[in-house]
Amino acid sequence: MAEEQVVISVADDQVGDMATVVDALRRAGLRVAEVLDSVGVVTGTVDGDALDSLSTVPGVAEVERSREFHLD
């Protein structure tokens, strides 16, 4: 499957332990691009067939596909 860009929201009660959540996301197949500790957000890319596994990582509140918009 194609690679997907994702934005992951970390549960409020897990923001203080972002390193653990990010490590678990990496083990689930996420290639981390950026970690925004202060707002509990992680961005990165994942193979499409591993996308569903990200939402099962403990501490993950939501996984969204990143959208790109082009204005011409």
PDB file of N, CA and C in Angstrom:
ATOM      1  N   MET A   1       0.836  -1.193   0.000  1.00  0.00           N
ATOM      2  CA  MET A   1       0.000   0.000   0.000  1.00  0.00           C
ATOM      3  C   MET A   1       0.873   1.246   0.000  1.00  0.00           C
ATOM      4  N   ALA A   2       0.264   2.341  -0.325  1.00  0.00           N
ATOM      5  CA  ALA A   2       0.973   3.615  -0.392  1.00  0.00           C
ATOM      6  C   ALA A   2       1.270   4.153   0.999  1.00  0.00           C
ATOM      7  N   GLU A   3       2.279   4.979   1.049  1.00  0.00           N
ATOM      8  CA  GLU A   3       2.637   5.632   2.300  1.00  0.00           C
ATOM      9  C   GLU A   3       1.641   6.746   2.606  1.00  0.00           C
ATOM     10  N   GLU A   4       1.262   6.851   3.874  1.00  0.00           N
ATOM     11  CA  GLU A   4       0.296   7.855   4.312  1.00  0.00           C
ATOM     12  C   GLU A   4       0.966   8.826   5.277  1.00  0.00           C
ATOM     13  N   GLN A   5       0.691  10.125   5.133  1.00  0.00           N
ATOM     14  CA  GLN A   5       1.119  11.106   6.119  1.00  0.00           C
ATOM     15  C   GLN A   5       0.020  11.190   7.163  1.00  0.00           C
ATOM     16  N   VAL A   6       0.422  11.188   8.442  1.00  0.00           N
ATOM     17  CA  VAL A   6      -0.559  11.184   9.520  1.00  0.00           C
ATOM     18  C   VAL A   6      -0.226  12.221  10.585  1.00  0.00           C
ATOM     19  N   VAL A   7      -1.294  12.634  11.273  1.00  0.00           N
ATOM     20  CA  VAL A   7      -1.194  13.496  12.444  1.00  0.00           C
ATOM     21  C   VAL A   7      -1.859  12.719  13.586  1.00  0.00           C
ATOM     22  N   ILE A   8      -1.122  12.517  14.662  1.00  0.00           N
ATOM     23  CA  ILE A   8      -1.604  11.706  15.773  1.00  0.00           C
ATOM     24  C   ILE A   8      -1.765  12.583  17.003  1.00  0.00           C
ATOM     25  N   SER A   9      -2.939  12.518  17.606  1.00  0.00           N
ATOM     26  CA  SER A   9      -3.210  13.224  18.858  1.00  0.00           C
ATOM     27  C   SER A   9      -3.019  12.242  20.005  1.00  0.00           C
ATOM     28  N   VAL A  10      -2.250  12.687  21.004  1.00  0.00           N
ATOM     29  CA  VAL A  10      -1.993  11.858  22.182  1.00  0.00           C
ATOM     30  C   VAL A  10      -3.015  12.227  23.257  1.00  0.00           C
ATOM     31  N   ALA A  11      -3.506  11.215  23.970  1.00  0.00           N
ATOM     32  CA  ALA A  11      -4.484  11.436  25.032  1.00  0.00           C
ATOM     33  C   ALA A  11      -3.917  12.393  26.077  1.00  0.00           C
ATOM     34  N   ASP A  12      -4.780  13.271  26.586  1.00  0.00           N
ATOM     35  CA  ASP A  12      -4.354  14.289  27.555  1.00  0.00           C
ATOM     36  C   ASP A  12      -3.604  13.690  28.741  1.00  0.00           C
ATOM     37  N   ASP A  13      -4.046  12.545  29.218  1.00  0.00           N
ATOM     38  CA  ASP A  13      -3.403  11.951  30.391  1.00  0.00           C
ATOM     39  C   ASP A  13      -2.080  11.255  30.065  1.00  0.00           C
ATOM     40  N   GLN A  14      -1.688  11.250  28.782  1.00  0.00           N
ATOM     41  CA  GLN A  14      -0.431  10.628  28.370  1.00  0.00           C
ATOM     42  C   GLN A  14       0.600  11.634  27.860  1.00  0.00           C
ATOM     43  N   VAL A  15       0.218  12.909  27.763  1.00  0.00           N
ATOM     44  CA  VAL A  15       1.119  13.932  27.224  1.00  0.00           C
ATOM     45  C   VAL A  15       2.401  14.023  28.049  1.00  0.00           C
ATOM     46  N   GLY A  16       2.313  13.788  29.344  1.00  0.00           N
ATOM     47  CA  GLY A  16       3.499  13.822  30.197  1.00  0.00           C
ATOM     48  C   GLY A  16       4.462  12.676  29.944  1.00  0.00           C
ATOM     49  N   ASP A  17       4.033  11.677  29.179  1.00  0.00           N
ATOM     50  CA  ASP A  17       4.855  10.509  28.867  1.00  0.00           C
ATOM     51  C   ASP A  17       4.955  10.325  27.353  1.00  0.00           C
ATOM     52  N   MET A  18       5.183  11.437  26.667  1.00  0.00           N
ATOM     53  CA  MET A  18       5.228  11.410  25.194  1.00  0.00           C
ATOM     54  C   MET A  18       6.293  10.451  24.666  1.00  0.00           C
ATOM     55  N   ALA A  19       7.444  10.377  25.334  1.00  0.00           N
ATOM     56  CA  ALA A  19       8.526   9.523  24.837  1.00  0.00           C
ATOM     57  C   ALA A  19       8.080   8.069  24.732  1.00  0.00           C
ATOM     58  N   THR A  20       7.315   7.597  25.710  1.00  0.00           N
ATOM     59  CA  THR A  20       6.828   6.216  25.695  1.00  0.00           C
ATOM     60  C   THR A  20       5.842   6.010  24.547  1.00  0.00           C
ATOM     61  N   VAL A  21       4.941   6.964  24.361  1.00  0.00           N
ATOM     62  CA  VAL A  21       3.955   6.861  23.280  1.00  0.00           C
ATOM     63  C   VAL A  21       4.659   6.899  21.919  1.00  0.00           C
ATOM     64  N   VAL A  22       5.613   7.807  21.751  1.00  0.00           N
ATOM     65  CA  VAL A  22       6.336   7.923  20.487  1.00  0.00           C
ATOM     66  C   VAL A  22       7.118   6.636  20.198  1.00  0.00           C
ATOM     67  N   ASP A  23       7.760   6.064  21.202  1.00  0.00           N
ATOM     68  CA  ASP A  23       8.468   4.793  21.002  1.00  0.00           C
ATOM     69  C   ASP A  23       7.513   3.692  20.546  1.00  0.00           C
ATOM     70  N   ALA A  24       6.338   3.630  21.157  1.00  0.00           N
ATOM     71  CA  ALA A  24       5.344   2.621  20.768  1.00  0.00           C
ATOM     72  C   ALA A  24       4.844   2.861  19.346  1.00  0.00           C
ATOM     73  N   LEU A  25       4.673   4.124  18.969  1.00  0.00           N
ATOM     74  CA  LEU A  25       4.258   4.444  17.599  1.00  0.00           C
ATOM     75  C   LEU A  25       5.321   4.012  16.592  1.00  0.00           C
ATOM     76  N   ARG A  26       6.577   4.218  16.932  1.00  0.00           N
ATOM     77  CA  ARG A  26       7.663   3.768  16.044  1.00  0.00           C
ATOM     78  C   ARG A  26       7.625   2.251  15.878  1.00  0.00           C
ATOM     79  N   ARG A  27       7.424   1.540  16.981  1.00  0.00           N
ATOM     80  CA  ARG A  27       7.352   0.077  16.899  1.00  0.00           C
ATOM     81  C   ARG A  27       6.164  -0.380  16.061  1.00  0.00           C
ATOM     82  N   ALA A  28       5.103   0.431  16.006  1.00  0.00           N
ATOM     83  CA  ALA A  28       3.917   0.099  15.204  1.00  0.00           C
ATOM     84  C   ALA A  28       4.093   0.483  13.732  1.00  0.00           C
ATOM     85  N   GLY A  29       5.239   1.086  13.391  1.00  0.00           N
ATOM     86  CA  GLY A  29       5.525   1.380  11.985  1.00  0.00           C
ATOM     87  C   GLY A  29       5.574   2.849  11.609  1.00  0.00           C
ATOM     88  N   LEU A  30       5.366   3.759  12.561  1.00  0.00           N
ATOM     89  CA  LEU A  30       5.389   5.185  12.244  1.00  0.00           C
ATOM     90  C   LEU A  30       6.823   5.668  12.061  1.00  0.00           C
ATOM     91  N   ARG A  31       7.057   6.387  10.985  1.00  0.00           N
ATOM     92  CA  ARG A  31       8.308   7.102  10.780  1.00  0.00           C
ATOM     93  C   ARG A  31       8.045   8.535  11.227  1.00  0.00           C
ATOM     94  N   VAL A  32       8.533   8.870  12.405  1.00  0.00           N
ATOM     95  CA  VAL A  32       8.213  10.136  13.058  1.00  0.00           C
ATOM     96  C   VAL A  32       8.907  11.287  12.341  1.00  0.00           C
ATOM     97  N   ALA A  33       8.121  12.322  12.017  1.00  0.00           N
ATOM     98  CA  ALA A  33       8.669  13.541  11.423  1.00  0.00           C
ATOM     99  C   ALA A  33       8.845  14.621  12.481  1.00  0.00           C
ATOM    100  N   GLU A  34       7.862  14.754  13.365  1.00  0.00           N
ATOM    101  CA  GLU A  34       7.897  15.823  14.361  1.00  0.00           C
ATOM    102  C   GLU A  34       7.087  15.418  15.588  1.00  0.00           C
ATOM    103  N   VAL A  35       7.588  15.811  16.756  1.00  0.00           N
ATOM    104  CA  VAL A  35       6.887  15.598  18.015  1.00  0.00           C
ATOM    105  C   VAL A  35       6.647  16.964  18.643  1.00  0.00           C
ATOM    106  N   LEU A  36       5.386  17.306  18.843  1.00  0.00           N
ATOM    107  CA  LEU A  36       5.004  18.586  19.450  1.00  0.00           C
ATOM    108  C   LEU A  36       4.545  18.288  20.879  1.00  0.00           C
ATOM    109  N   ASP A  37       5.519  18.216  21.779  1.00  0.00           N
ATOM    110  CA  ASP A  37       5.244  17.819  23.166  1.00  0.00           C
ATOM    111  C   ASP A  37       4.189  18.693  23.834  1.00  0.00           C
ATOM    112  N   SER A  38       4.299  19.989  23.635  1.00  0.00           N
ATOM    113  CA  SER A  38       3.432  20.920  24.374  1.00  0.00           C
ATOM    114  C   SER A  38       1.955  20.773  24.015  1.00  0.00           C
ATOM    115  N   VAL A  39       1.650  20.257  22.834  1.00  0.00           N
ATOM    116  CA  VAL A  39       0.248  20.106  22.430  1.00  0.00           C
ATOM    117  C   VAL A  39      -0.161  18.641  22.247  1.00  0.00           C
ATOM    118  N   GLY A  40       0.769  17.716  22.495  1.00  0.00           N
ATOM    119  CA  GLY A  40       0.430  16.305  22.417  1.00  0.00           C
ATOM    120  C   GLY A  40       0.142  15.812  21.019  1.00  0.00           C
ATOM    121  N   VAL A  41       0.978  16.235  20.054  1.00  0.00           N
ATOM    122  CA  VAL A  41       0.774  15.842  18.656  1.00  0.00           C
ATOM    123  C   VAL A  41       2.069  15.250  18.096  1.00  0.00           C
ATOM    124  N   VAL A  42       1.916  14.193  17.298  1.00  0.00           N
ATOM    125  CA  VAL A  42       3.031  13.558  16.609  1.00  0.00           C
ATOM    126  C   VAL A  42       2.667  13.500  15.130  1.00  0.00           C
ATOM    127  N   THR A  43       3.600  13.854  14.251  1.00  0.00           N
ATOM    128  CA  THR A  43       3.367  13.733  12.813  1.00  0.00           C
ATOM    129  C   THR A  43       4.374  12.760  12.229  1.00  0.00           C
ATOM    130  N   GLY A  44       4.005  12.168  11.113  1.00  0.00           N
ATOM    131  CA  GLY A  44       4.922  11.260  10.444  1.00  0.00           C
ATOM    132  C   GLY A  44       4.269  10.551   9.285  1.00  0.00           C
ATOM    133  N   THR A  45       4.936   9.493   8.830  1.00  0.00           N
ATOM    134  CA  THR A  45       4.420   8.699   7.718  1.00  0.00           C
ATOM    135  C   THR A  45       4.394   7.229   8.129  1.00  0.00           C
ATOM    136  N   VAL A  46       3.483   6.496   7.506  1.00  0.00           N
ATOM    137  CA  VAL A  46       3.331   5.069   7.788  1.00  0.00           C
ATOM    138  C   VAL A  46       2.853   4.387   6.515  1.00  0.00           C
ATOM    139  N   ASP A  47       3.257   3.136   6.332  1.00  0.00           N
ATOM    140  CA  ASP A  47       2.727   2.360   5.213  1.00  0.00           C
ATOM    141  C   ASP A  47       1.231   2.202   5.421  1.00  0.00           C
ATOM    142  N   GLY A  48       0.474   2.310   4.364  1.00  0.00           N
ATOM    143  CA  GLY A  48      -0.983   2.254   4.450  1.00  0.00           C
ATOM    144  C   GLY A  48      -1.511   1.015   5.142  1.00  0.00           C
ATOM    145  N   ASP A  49      -0.820  -0.124   4.962  1.00  0.00           N
ATOM    146  CA  ASP A  49      -1.310  -1.355   5.587  1.00  0.00           C
ATOM    147  C   ASP A  49      -1.057  -1.391   7.095  1.00  0.00           C
ATOM    148  N   ALA A  50      -0.241  -0.470   7.627  1.00  0.00           N
ATOM    149  CA  ALA A  50       0.008  -0.391   9.071  1.00  0.00           C
ATOM    150  C   ALA A  50      -0.767   0.751   9.730  1.00  0.00           C
ATOM    151  N   LEU A  51      -1.539   1.484   8.949  1.00  0.00           N
ATOM    152  CA  LEU A  51      -2.253   2.657   9.449  1.00  0.00           C
ATOM    153  C   LEU A  51      -3.182   2.318  10.620  1.00  0.00           C
ATOM    154  N   ASP A  52      -3.954   1.278  10.491  1.00  0.00           N
ATOM    155  CA  ASP A  52      -4.919   0.917  11.541  1.00  0.00           C
ATOM    156  C   ASP A  52      -4.244   0.556  12.858  1.00  0.00           C
ATOM    157  N   SER A  53      -3.035   0.028  12.794  1.00  0.00           N
ATOM    158  CA  SER A  53      -2.356  -0.386  14.026  1.00  0.00           C
ATOM    159  C   SER A  53      -1.966   0.811  14.892  1.00  0.00           C
ATOM    160  N   LEU A  54      -1.831   2.004  14.307  1.00  0.00           N
ATOM    161  CA  LEU A  54      -1.447   3.180  15.088  1.00  0.00           C
ATOM    162  C   LEU A  54      -2.514   3.543  16.119  1.00  0.00           C
ATOM    163  N   SER A  55      -3.768   3.367  15.768  1.00  0.00           N
ATOM    164  CA  SER A  55      -4.848   3.745  16.688  1.00  0.00           C
ATOM    165  C   SER A  55      -4.954   2.809  17.888  1.00  0.00           C
ATOM    166  N   THR A  56      -4.291   1.647  17.825  1.00  0.00           N
ATOM    167  CA  THR A  56      -4.326   0.706  18.946  1.00  0.00           C
ATOM    168  C   THR A  56      -3.182   0.929  19.935  1.00  0.00           C
ATOM    169  N   VAL A  57      -2.287   1.865  19.629  1.00  0.00           N
ATOM    170  CA  VAL A  57      -1.157   2.143  20.521  1.00  0.00           C
ATOM    171  C   VAL A  57      -1.680   2.812  21.793  1.00  0.00           C
ATOM    172  N   PRO A  58      -1.293   2.309  22.958  1.00  0.00           N
ATOM    173  CA  PRO A  58      -1.729   2.938  24.213  1.00  0.00           C
ATOM    174  C   PRO A  58      -1.301   4.404  24.274  1.00  0.00           C
ATOM    175  N   GLY A  59      -2.250   5.256  24.624  1.00  0.00           N
ATOM    176  CA  GLY A  59      -1.984   6.687  24.717  1.00  0.00           C
ATOM    177  C   GLY A  59      -2.395   7.484  23.497  1.00  0.00           C
ATOM    178  N   VAL A  60      -2.760   6.798  22.413  1.00  0.00           N
ATOM    179  CA  VAL A  60      -3.195   7.491  21.198  1.00  0.00           C
ATOM    180  C   VAL A  60      -4.682   7.788  21.293  1.00  0.00           C
ATOM    181  N   ALA A  61      -5.028   9.068  21.123  1.00  0.00           N
ATOM    182  CA  ALA A  61      -6.430   9.480  21.156  1.00  0.00           C
ATOM    183  C   ALA A  61      -7.050   9.439  19.763  1.00  0.00           C
ATOM    184  N   GLU A  62      -6.261   9.835  18.749  1.00  0.00           N
ATOM    185  CA  GLU A  62      -6.817   9.912  17.394  1.00  0.00           C
ATOM    186  C   GLU A  62      -5.700   9.873  16.361  1.00  0.00           C
ATOM    187  N   VAL A  63      -5.973   9.237  15.224  1.00  0.00           N
ATOM    188  CA  VAL A  63      -5.058   9.200  14.090  1.00  0.00           C
ATOM    189  C   VAL A  63      -5.799   9.779  12.898  1.00  0.00           C
ATOM    190  N   GLU A  64      -5.230  10.818  12.305  1.00  0.00           N
ATOM    191  CA  GLU A  64      -5.845  11.446  11.129  1.00  0.00           C
ATOM    192  C   GLU A  64      -4.872  11.420   9.966  1.00  0.00           C
ATOM    193  N   ARG A  65      -5.398  11.131   8.781  1.00  0.00           N
ATOM    194  CA  ARG A  65      -4.583  11.288   7.580  1.00  0.00           C
ATOM    195  C   ARG A  65      -4.368  12.773   7.335  1.00  0.00           C
ATOM    196  N   SER A  66      -3.144  13.115   7.015  1.00  0.00           N
ATOM    197  CA  SER A  66      -2.822  14.511   6.726  1.00  0.00           C
ATOM    198  C   SER A  66      -3.361  14.855   5.336  1.00  0.00           C
ATOM    199  N   ARG A  67      -3.921  16.021   5.219  1.00  0.00           N
ATOM    200  CA  ARG A  67      -4.481  16.473   3.936  1.00  0.00           C
ATOM    201  C   ARG A  67      -3.648  17.617   3.392  1.00  0.00           C
ATOM    202  N   GLU A  68      -3.460  17.616   2.089  1.00  0.00           N
ATOM    203  CA  GLU A  68      -2.751  18.709   1.433  1.00  0.00           C
ATOM    204  C   GLU A  68      -3.716  19.457   0.542  1.00  0.00           C
ATOM    205  N   PHE A  69      -3.616  20.772   0.605  1.00  0.00           N
ATOM    206  CA  PHE A  69      -4.447  21.618  -0.234  1.00  0.00           C
ATOM    207  C   PHE A  69      -3.548  22.504  -1.070  1.00  0.00           C
ATOM    208  N   HIS A  70      -3.882  22.648  -2.336  1.00  0.00           N
ATOM    209  CA  HIS A  70      -3.119  23.496  -3.233  1.00  0.00           C
ATOM    210  C   HIS A  70      -4.029  24.580  -3.787  1.00  0.00           C
ATOM    211  N   LEU A  71      -3.615  25.805  -3.662  1.00  0.00           N
ATOM    212  CA  LEU A  71      -4.330  26.909  -4.264  1.00  0.00           C
ATOM    213  C   LEU A  71      -3.588  27.358  -5.499  1.00  0.00           C
ATOM    214  N   ASP A  72      -4.270  27.357  -6.610  1.00  0.00           N
ATOM    215  CA  ASP A  72      -3.639  27.767  -7.869  1.00  0.00           C
ATOM    216  C   ASP A  72      -4.071  29.159  -8.255  1.00  0.00           C
TER     217      ASP A  72
END
